[in-house]
Amino acid sequence: MIGKLLKRKIDADRLANVFVNSIIEVSENGFQDVKEMIGEDPAFVFVPDIKENYSNKFLLIVVVGNLTYLKQHFDAEEEAELRKLIISKFANIFEIT
């Protein structure tokens, strides 16, 4: 997906918006599936008690995991700019200064 966007040469702000919106959508749509998969996995001796309100924690895991991949696709300067924009956008969404 990012490859197509980069070929169109969008600016860093728009790319950060796509990143943020995509991560939020994926985490909102995927949380229940992940919760169910963990609950049904026989590898757990004790089934973790994952509550519905843990979706924000799941979002943070997804965000951090995806931020680590930026350096594989962008040079250091671009990665730093994108990371700053992405974090700023998440801070605005969650009203964190």
Protein backbone atom coordinates (compact mmCIF):
# COMPACT_ATOMS: atom_id res chain seq x y z
CA MET A 1 0.00 0.00 0.00
CA ILE A 2 2.72 2.49 0.93
CA GLY A 3 4.59 1.65 -2.26
CA LYS A 4 1.66 2.89 -4.37
CA LEU A 5 1.43 6.07 -2.35
CA LEU A 6 5.12 6.78 -2.68
CA LYS A 7 4.99 6.35 -6.44
CA ARG A 8 2.46 9.18 -6.52
CA LYS A 9 4.92 11.29 -4.50
CA ILE A 10 2.62 12.43 -1.74
CA ASP A 11 4.03 14.72 0.90
CA ALA A 12 5.03 13.61 4.39
CA ASP A 13 1.94 15.10 6.04
CA ARG A 14 -0.46 13.17 3.82
CA LEU A 15 1.55 9.98 4.26
CA ALA A 16 1.42 10.44 8.04
CA ASN A 17 -2.36 10.90 7.80
CA VAL A 18 -2.68 7.68 5.80
CA PHE A 19 -0.49 5.86 8.33
CA VAL A 20 -2.48 7.09 11.33
CA ASN A 21 -5.90 6.46 9.78
CA SER A 22 -4.88 3.00 8.55
CA ILE A 23 -3.45 1.96 11.90
CA ILE A 24 -6.57 3.10 13.73
CA GLU A 25 -8.81 1.27 11.27
CA VAL A 26 -6.78 -1.93 11.41
CA SER A 27 -6.62 -1.96 15.19
CA GLU A 28 -10.34 -1.23 15.58
CA ASN A 29 -11.29 -3.91 13.07
CA GLY A 30 -8.70 -6.44 14.22
CA PHE A 31 -8.85 -6.24 18.01
CA GLN A 32 -11.77 -8.64 18.41
CA ASP A 33 -10.16 -11.19 16.07
CA VAL A 34 -6.85 -11.05 17.94
CA LYS A 35 -8.65 -11.29 21.27
CA GLU A 36 -10.52 -14.40 20.09
CA MET A 37 -7.39 -16.01 18.63
CA ILE A 38 -5.53 -15.54 21.92
CA GLY A 39 -8.50 -16.87 23.88
CA GLU A 40 -8.64 -20.01 21.73
CA ASP A 41 -4.90 -20.66 21.51
CA PRO A 42 -4.03 -23.89 23.36
CA ALA A 43 -0.47 -22.65 23.90
CA PHE A 44 -1.66 -20.59 26.86
CA VAL A 45 -1.72 -22.51 30.13
CA PHE A 46 -4.04 -19.84 31.48
CA VAL A 47 -6.23 -17.91 29.06
CA PRO A 48 -5.47 -14.20 29.38
CA ASP A 49 -8.43 -12.11 30.47
CA ILE A 50 -8.50 -9.58 27.65
CA LYS A 51 -11.21 -7.02 28.26
CA GLU A 52 -12.99 -4.99 25.58
CA ASN A 53 -11.51 -1.76 26.94
CA TYR A 54 -8.00 -3.07 26.18
CA SER A 55 -8.40 -2.03 22.55
CA ASN A 56 -6.48 1.21 23.20
CA LYS A 57 -3.56 -0.83 24.55
CA PHE A 58 -3.77 -2.98 21.44
CA LEU A 59 -3.66 0.18 19.33
CA LEU A 60 -0.45 1.27 21.06
CA ILE A 61 1.16 -2.10 20.34
CA VAL A 62 0.18 -1.84 16.67
CA VAL A 63 1.46 1.75 16.45
CA VAL A 64 4.83 0.98 18.00
CA GLY A 65 5.24 -2.15 15.92
CA ASN A 66 4.56 -0.26 12.71
CA LEU A 67 6.74 2.71 13.63
CA THR A 68 9.72 0.36 13.84
CA TYR A 69 9.25 -0.52 10.16
CA LEU A 70 9.62 3.07 8.95
CA LYS A 71 13.42 2.84 8.99
CA GLN A 72 13.27 -0.09 6.57
CA HIS A 73 11.47 1.98 3.95
CA PHE A 74 12.80 5.53 4.36
CA ASP A 75 16.16 7.18 4.81
CA ALA A 76 16.97 8.53 8.28
CA GLU A 77 15.82 12.08 7.59
CA GLU A 78 12.50 11.02 6.04
CA GLU A 79 11.90 8.50 8.81
CA ALA A 80 12.49 11.11 11.52
CA GLU A 81 10.11 13.56 9.83
CA LEU A 82 7.38 10.93 9.38
CA ARG A 83 7.78 9.62 12.92
CA LYS A 84 7.42 13.14 14.33
CA LEU A 85 4.31 13.84 12.24
CA ILE A 86 2.72 10.49 13.11
CA ILE A 87 3.31 10.92 16.83
CA SER A 88 1.97 14.47 16.66
CA LYS A 89 -1.18 13.29 14.89
CA PHE A 90 -1.80 10.53 17.45
CA ALA A 91 -1.21 13.06 20.25
CA ASN A 92 -3.86 15.34 18.74
CA ILE A 93 -6.34 12.49 18.38
CA PHE A 94 -5.90 11.39 21.98
CA GLU A 95 -5.55 14.96 23.28
CA ILE A 96 -2.03 14.47 24.60
CA THR A 97 0.40 17.37 24.55
